[in-house]
C-alpha cells in the first residue's frame, strides 16, 4: 500500500543522496579547475621571474642610456603577448569550468525534476478527494521553478559567451597595437 508519508520519506532520502552526489561532483570539478588555474599561475610566475631576471641582466649590461631605452622597448611586445596568452588561457579555464559545472547542474536538475514529478504523480493518485487543486498547485510550482532555472542557465551561458567574445574582441584590438613598436624599430 502506498502511503504519502513513506513516499515523502523515500523521496527526501533520495533527494538528499542526489544533492550530496551533486555537491561532490561539483566540488570535484571545481577543484580540478582550481588546480589548473594554480598550475597556470605558477607557470606564469616562474616564466615572469625568469624573463625579468634576463631583462635585468641585459639592462645592467647596457653601455649607455640609448641601449637601455632600446632594450626596454624591445621587451614591450613579448610582455604584451605573454599577458594576452595568459588571459586567453585563463578565459579557456573559466569557460571549460563553467561548461562542466553547467552540464553537471543540468543533469542533476533534470534528475531532481523527474523524481519530484514522479512523487507528485504518486501523491495525486492516492490523494483524497478535493486535493486536486493543491496537487495541481504543486505541479505548477515545480514547472515554474524548472522554467526559472532554465532561464537562469541560459542567462549564465549568454553571460559567459559575452565575456569570451569581449575578451576576443579586445585581443584583436590589442595585438595590432603591440605589433607597431616592433615594426618601427630600425636595426
C-alpha atoms as a PDB file:
ATOM      1  CA  UNK A   1       0.000   0.000   0.000  1.00  0.00           C
ATOM      2  CA  UNK A   2       1.235   3.460  -0.896  1.00  0.00           C
ATOM      3  CA  UNK A   3       1.312   5.950   1.943  1.00  0.00           C
ATOM      4  CA  UNK A   4       2.213   9.589   1.389  1.00  0.00           C
ATOM      5  CA  UNK A   5       4.436   9.602   4.486  1.00  0.00           C
ATOM      6  CA  UNK A   6       6.545   6.675   3.266  1.00  0.00           C
ATOM      7  CA  UNK A   7       6.715   8.170  -0.171  1.00  0.00           C
ATOM      8  CA  UNK A   8       7.817  11.540   1.181  1.00  0.00           C
ATOM      9  CA  UNK A   9      10.434   9.881   3.399  1.00  0.00           C
ATOM     10  CA  UNK A  10      11.806   7.908   0.472  1.00  0.00           C
ATOM     11  CA  UNK A  11      11.738  10.988  -1.733  1.00  0.00           C
ATOM     12  CA  UNK A  12      13.534  13.048   0.917  1.00  0.00           C
ATOM     13  CA  UNK A  13      16.223  10.383   1.293  1.00  0.00           C
ATOM     14  CA  UNK A  14      16.667  10.134  -2.466  1.00  0.00           C
ATOM     15  CA  UNK A  15      16.805  13.910  -2.715  1.00  0.00           C
ATOM     16  CA  UNK A  16      19.472  14.148  -0.025  1.00  0.00           C
ATOM     17  CA  UNK A  17      21.507  11.395  -1.702  1.00  0.00           C
ATOM     18  CA  UNK A  18      21.179  13.159  -5.050  1.00  0.00           C
ATOM     19  CA  UNK A  19      22.179  16.514  -3.572  1.00  0.00           C
ATOM     20  CA  UNK A  20      25.218  15.003  -1.850  1.00  0.00           C
ATOM     21  CA  UNK A  21      26.293  13.349  -5.091  1.00  0.00           C
ATOM     22  CA  UNK A  22      25.779  16.637  -6.950  1.00  0.00           C
ATOM     23  CA  UNK A  23      27.818  18.580  -4.410  1.00  0.00           C
ATOM     24  CA  UNK A  24      30.576  16.009  -4.543  1.00  0.00           C
ATOM     25  CA  UNK A  25      30.607  16.142  -8.343  1.00  0.00           C
ATOM     26  CA  UNK A  26      30.604  19.954  -8.388  1.00  0.00           C
ATOM     27  CA  UNK A  27      33.348  20.113  -5.743  1.00  0.00           C
ATOM     28  CA  UNK A  28      35.470  17.673  -7.734  1.00  0.00           C
ATOM     29  CA  UNK A  29      35.085  19.667 -10.954  1.00  0.00           C
ATOM     30  CA  UNK A  30      35.785  22.918  -9.099  1.00  0.00           C
ATOM     31  CA  UNK A  31      38.941  21.503  -7.531  1.00  0.00           C
ATOM     32  CA  UNK A  32      40.169  20.370 -10.938  1.00  0.00           C
ATOM     33  CA  UNK A  33      39.638  23.888 -12.286  1.00  0.00           C
ATOM     34  CA  UNK A  34      41.400  25.424  -9.288  1.00  0.00           C
ATOM     35  CA  UNK A  35      44.313  23.027  -9.776  1.00  0.00           C
ATOM     36  CA  UNK A  36      44.515  24.004 -13.449  1.00  0.00           C
ATOM     37  CA  UNK A  37      44.392  27.691 -12.518  1.00  0.00           C
ATOM     38  CA  UNK A  38      47.093  27.199  -9.874  1.00  0.00           C
ATOM     39  CA  UNK A  39      49.298  25.407 -12.399  1.00  0.00           C
ATOM     40  CA  UNK A  40      48.810  28.274 -14.866  1.00  0.00           C
ATOM     41  CA  UNK A  41      49.651  30.886 -12.225  1.00  0.00           C
ATOM     42  CA  UNK A  42      52.753  29.049 -11.002  1.00  0.00           C
ATOM     43  CA  UNK A  43      53.988  28.562 -14.567  1.00  0.00           C
ATOM     44  CA  UNK A  44      53.297  32.195 -15.392  1.00  0.00           C
ATOM     45  CA  UNK A  45      55.027  33.439 -12.242  1.00  0.00           C
ATOM     46  CA  UNK A  46      58.056  31.251 -12.946  1.00  0.00           C
ATOM     47  CA  UNK A  47      58.277  32.431 -16.562  1.00  0.00           C
ATOM     48  CA  UNK A  48      57.820  36.075 -15.498  1.00  0.00           C
ATOM     49  CA  UNK A  49      60.594  35.767 -12.928  1.00  0.00           C
ATOM     50  CA  UNK A  50      62.938  34.200 -15.468  1.00  0.00           C
ATOM     51  CA  UNK A  51      62.057  36.866 -18.024  1.00  0.00           C
ATOM     52  CA  UNK A  52      62.513  39.686 -15.515  1.00  0.00           C
ATOM     53  CA  UNK A  53      65.869  38.283 -14.427  1.00  0.00           C
ATOM     54  CA  UNK A  54      67.110  38.028 -18.014  1.00  0.00           C
ATOM     55  CA  UNK A  55      65.833  41.538 -18.791  1.00  0.00           C
ATOM     56  CA  UNK A  56      67.525  42.935 -15.678  1.00  0.00           C
ATOM     57  CA  UNK A  57      70.838  41.336 -16.678  1.00  0.00           C
ATOM     58  CA  UNK A  58      70.529  42.850 -20.148  1.00  0.00           C
ATOM     59  CA  UNK A  59      69.717  46.283 -18.726  1.00  0.00           C
ATOM     60  CA  UNK A  60      72.621  46.111 -16.297  1.00  0.00           C
ATOM     61  CA  UNK A  61      74.952  45.172 -19.141  1.00  0.00           C
ATOM     62  CA  UNK A  62      73.785  48.119 -21.273  1.00  0.00           C
ATOM     63  CA  UNK A  63      76.551  50.532 -22.187  1.00  0.00           C
ATOM     64  CA  UNK A  64      74.506  53.712 -22.458  1.00  0.00           C
ATOM     65  CA  UNK A  65      71.025  55.200 -21.977  1.00  0.00           C
ATOM     66  CA  UNK A  66      70.071  54.653 -25.614  1.00  0.00           C
ATOM     67  CA  UNK A  67      70.716  50.915 -25.291  1.00  0.00           C
ATOM     68  CA  UNK A  68      68.613  50.850 -22.091  1.00  0.00           C
ATOM     69  CA  UNK A  69      65.722  52.509 -23.967  1.00  0.00           C
ATOM     70  CA  UNK A  70      66.083  50.061 -26.880  1.00  0.00           C
ATOM     71  CA  UNK A  71      66.154  47.062 -24.556  1.00  0.00           C
ATOM     72  CA  UNK A  72      63.147  48.355 -22.626  1.00  0.00           C
ATOM     73  CA  UNK A  73      61.080  48.957 -25.749  1.00  0.00           C
ATOM     74  CA  UNK A  74      62.099  45.554 -27.128  1.00  0.00           C
ATOM     75  CA  UNK A  75      60.511  43.954 -24.048  1.00  0.00           C
ATOM     76  CA  UNK A  76      57.106  45.580 -24.665  1.00  0.00           C
ATOM     77  CA  UNK A  77      55.916  43.206 -27.402  1.00  0.00           C
ATOM     78  CA  UNK A  78      56.881  39.913 -25.712  1.00  0.00           C
ATOM     79  CA  UNK A  79      55.408  41.082 -22.411  1.00  0.00           C
ATOM     80  CA  UNK A  80      52.144  42.108 -24.061  1.00  0.00           C
ATOM     81  CA  UNK A  81      51.969  38.809 -25.957  1.00  0.00           C
ATOM     82  CA  UNK A  82      52.569  36.860 -22.755  1.00  0.00           C
ATOM     83  CA  UNK A  83      49.842  38.812 -20.961  1.00  0.00           C
ATOM     84  CA  UNK A  84      47.473  38.132 -23.836  1.00  0.00           C
ATOM     85  CA  UNK A  85      48.344  34.403 -23.840  1.00  0.00           C
ATOM     86  CA  UNK A  86      47.776  34.292 -20.074  1.00  0.00           C
ATOM     87  CA  UNK A  87      44.385  35.966 -20.485  1.00  0.00           C
ATOM     88  CA  UNK A  88      43.388  33.506 -23.203  1.00  0.00           C
ATOM     89  CA  UNK A  89      44.422  30.538 -21.098  1.00  0.00           C
ATOM     90  CA  UNK A  90      42.581  31.967 -18.099  1.00  0.00           C
ATOM     91  CA  UNK A  91      39.454  32.513 -20.205  1.00  0.00           C
ATOM     92  CA  UNK A  92      39.764  28.954 -21.505  1.00  0.00           C
ATOM     93  CA  UNK A  93      39.932  27.549 -17.971  1.00  0.00           C
ATOM     94  CA  UNK A  94      36.941  29.642 -16.884  1.00  0.00           C
ATOM     95  CA  UNK A  95      34.887  28.671 -19.938  1.00  0.00           C
ATOM     96  CA  UNK A  96      35.695  24.987 -19.516  1.00  0.00           C
ATOM     97  CA  UNK A  97      34.870  25.115 -15.789  1.00  0.00           C
ATOM     98  CA  UNK A  98      31.578  26.904 -16.455  1.00  0.00           C
ATOM     99  CA  UNK A  99      30.630  24.344 -19.110  1.00  0.00           C
ATOM    100  CA  UNK A 100      31.449  21.418 -16.810  1.00  0.00           C
ATOM    101  CA  UNK A 101      29.576  22.900 -13.865  1.00  0.00           C
ATOM    102  CA  UNK A 102      26.577  23.802 -16.024  1.00  0.00           C
ATOM    103  CA  UNK A 103      26.489  20.301 -17.521  1.00  0.00           C
ATOM    104  CA  UNK A 104      26.569  18.740 -14.060  1.00  0.00           C
ATOM    105  CA  UNK A 105      23.943  21.130 -12.712  1.00  0.00           C
ATOM    106  CA  UNK A 106      21.671  20.494 -15.709  1.00  0.00           C
ATOM    107  CA  UNK A 107      21.904  16.740 -15.251  1.00  0.00           C
ATOM    108  CA  UNK A 108      21.190  16.984 -11.520  1.00  0.00           C
ATOM    109  CA  UNK A 109      18.319  19.392 -12.057  1.00  0.00           C
ATOM    110  CA  UNK A 110      16.750  17.117 -14.661  1.00  0.00           C
ATOM    111  CA  UNK A 111      17.089  14.135 -12.318  1.00  0.00           C
ATOM    112  CA  UNK A 112      15.601  16.072  -9.411  1.00  0.00           C
ATOM    113  CA  UNK A 113      12.703  17.268 -11.591  1.00  0.00           C
ATOM    114  CA  UNK A 114      11.948  13.715 -12.695  1.00  0.00           C
ATOM    115  CA  UNK A 115      11.930  12.490  -9.088  1.00  0.00           C
ATOM    116  CA  UNK A 116       9.698  15.343  -7.932  1.00  0.00           C
ATOM    117  CA  UNK A 117       7.279  14.755 -10.809  1.00  0.00           C
ATOM    118  CA  UNK A 118       7.136  11.029 -10.017  1.00  0.00           C
ATOM    119  CA  UNK A 119       6.417  11.842  -6.391  1.00  0.00           C
ATOM    120  CA  UNK A 120       3.711  14.340  -7.356  1.00  0.00           C
ATOM    121  CA  UNK A 121       2.119  11.769  -9.670  1.00  0.00           C
ATOM    122  CA  UNK A 122       2.087   9.189  -6.880  1.00  0.00           C
ATOM    123  CA  UNK A 123       0.640  11.728  -4.477  1.00  0.00           C
ATOM    124  CA  UNK A 124      -2.066  12.733  -6.947  1.00  0.00           C
ATOM    125  CA  UNK A 125      -3.058   9.091  -7.461  1.00  0.00           C
ATOM    126  CA  UNK A 126      -3.505   8.473  -3.756  1.00  0.00           C
ATOM    127  CA  UNK A 127      -4.634  11.924  -2.691  1.00  0.00           C
ATOM    128  CA  UNK A 128      -8.024  12.236  -1.071  1.00  0.00           C
ATOM    129  CA  UNK A 129     -10.870  13.781  -2.992  1.00  0.00           C
ATOM    130  CA  UNK A 130     -10.791  17.553  -3.064  1.00  0.00           C
ATOM    131  CA  UNK A 131      -6.987  17.853  -3.017  1.00  0.00           C
ATOM    132  CA  UNK A 132      -6.666  18.094  -6.801  1.00  0.00           C
ATOM    133  CA  UNK A 133      -6.222  21.848  -6.615  1.00  0.00           C
ATOM    134  CA  UNK A 134      -3.340  21.541  -4.114  1.00  0.00           C
ATOM    135  CA  UNK A 135      -1.630  18.884  -6.260  1.00  0.00           C
ATOM    136  CA  UNK A 136      -2.043  20.985  -9.370  1.00  0.00           C
ATOM    137  CA  UNK A 137      -0.627  24.000  -7.478  1.00  0.00           C
ATOM    138  CA  UNK A 138       2.431  21.912  -6.523  1.00  0.00           C
ATOM    139  CA  UNK A 139       2.873  20.739 -10.113  1.00  0.00           C
ATOM    140  CA  UNK A 140       2.629  24.316 -11.389  1.00  0.00           C
ATOM    141  CA  UNK A 141       5.158  25.438  -8.772  1.00  0.00           C
ATOM    142  CA  UNK A 142       7.614  22.755  -9.884  1.00  0.00           C
ATOM    143  CA  UNK A 143       7.090  23.673 -13.540  1.00  0.00           C
ATOM    144  CA  UNK A 144       7.661  27.370 -12.747  1.00  0.00           C
ATOM    145  CA  UNK A 145      10.811  26.577 -10.764  1.00  0.00           C
ATOM    146  CA  UNK A 146      12.122  24.499 -13.683  1.00  0.00           C
ATOM    147  CA  UNK A 147      11.361  27.308 -16.127  1.00  0.00           C
ATOM    148  CA  UNK A 148      13.132  29.839 -13.905  1.00  0.00           C
ATOM    149  CA  UNK A 149      16.139  27.543 -13.640  1.00  0.00           C
ATOM    150  CA  UNK A 150      16.256  27.154 -17.432  1.00  0.00           C
ATOM    151  CA  UNK A 151      16.187  30.948 -17.847  1.00  0.00           C
ATOM    152  CA  UNK A 152      18.971  31.338 -15.288  1.00  0.00           C
ATOM    153  CA  UNK A 153      21.047  28.720 -17.091  1.00  0.00           C
ATOM    154  CA  UNK A 154      20.523  30.438 -20.461  1.00  0.00           C
ATOM    155  CA  UNK A 155      21.445  33.813 -18.971  1.00  0.00           C
ATOM    156  CA  UNK A 156      24.573  32.331 -17.435  1.00  0.00           C
ATOM    157  CA  UNK A 157      25.635  30.795 -20.748  1.00  0.00           C
ATOM    158  CA  UNK A 158      24.958  34.078 -22.550  1.00  0.00           C
ATOM    159  CA  UNK A 159      26.997  35.998 -19.979  1.00  0.00           C
ATOM    160  CA  UNK A 160      29.951  33.623 -20.353  1.00  0.00           C
ATOM    161  CA  UNK A 161      29.733  33.870 -24.150  1.00  0.00           C
ATOM    162  CA  UNK A 162      29.582  37.665 -23.964  1.00  0.00           C
ATOM    163  CA  UNK A 163      32.637  37.822 -21.712  1.00  0.00           C
ATOM    164  CA  UNK A 164      34.542  35.465 -24.004  1.00  0.00           C
ATOM    165  CA  UNK A 165      33.553  37.460 -27.116  1.00  0.00           C
ATOM    166  CA  UNK A 166      34.555  40.712 -25.388  1.00  0.00           C
ATOM    167  CA  UNK A 167      37.906  39.235 -24.455  1.00  0.00           C
ATOM    168  CA  UNK A 168      38.491  38.020 -28.007  1.00  0.00           C
ATOM    169  CA  UNK A 169      37.483  41.410 -29.417  1.00  0.00           C
ATOM    170  CA  UNK A 170      39.859  43.183 -27.040  1.00  0.00           C
ATOM    171  CA  UNK A 171      42.602  40.750 -28.011  1.00  0.00           C
ATOM    172  CA  UNK A 172      42.056  41.518 -31.713  1.00  0.00           C
ATOM    173  CA  UNK A 173      42.486  45.217 -30.992  1.00  0.00           C
ATOM    174  CA  UNK A 174      45.395  44.701 -28.626  1.00  0.00           C
ATOM    175  CA  UNK A 175      47.577  42.521 -30.876  1.00  0.00           C
ATOM    176  CA  UNK A 176      47.926  45.075 -33.682  1.00  0.00           C
ATOM    177  CA  UNK A 177      48.792  47.739 -31.110  1.00  0.00           C
ATOM    178  CA  UNK A 178      51.628  45.593 -29.772  1.00  0.00           C
ATOM    179  CA  UNK A 179      52.913  44.872 -33.272  1.00  0.00           C
ATOM    180  CA  UNK A 180      53.516  48.553 -34.071  1.00  0.00           C
ATOM    181  CA  UNK A 181      56.637  49.100 -31.927  1.00  0.00           C
ATOM    182  CA  UNK A 182      58.449  46.111 -33.443  1.00  0.00           C
ATOM    183  CA  UNK A 183      57.719  47.306 -36.978  1.00  0.00           C
ATOM    184  CA  UNK A 184      59.031  50.792 -36.311  1.00  0.00           C
ATOM    185  CA  UNK A 185      62.362  49.574 -34.965  1.00  0.00           C
ATOM    186  CA  UNK A 186      65.353  50.212 -37.139  1.00  0.00           C
ATOM    187  CA  UNK A 187      68.255  47.848 -36.829  1.00  0.00           C
END
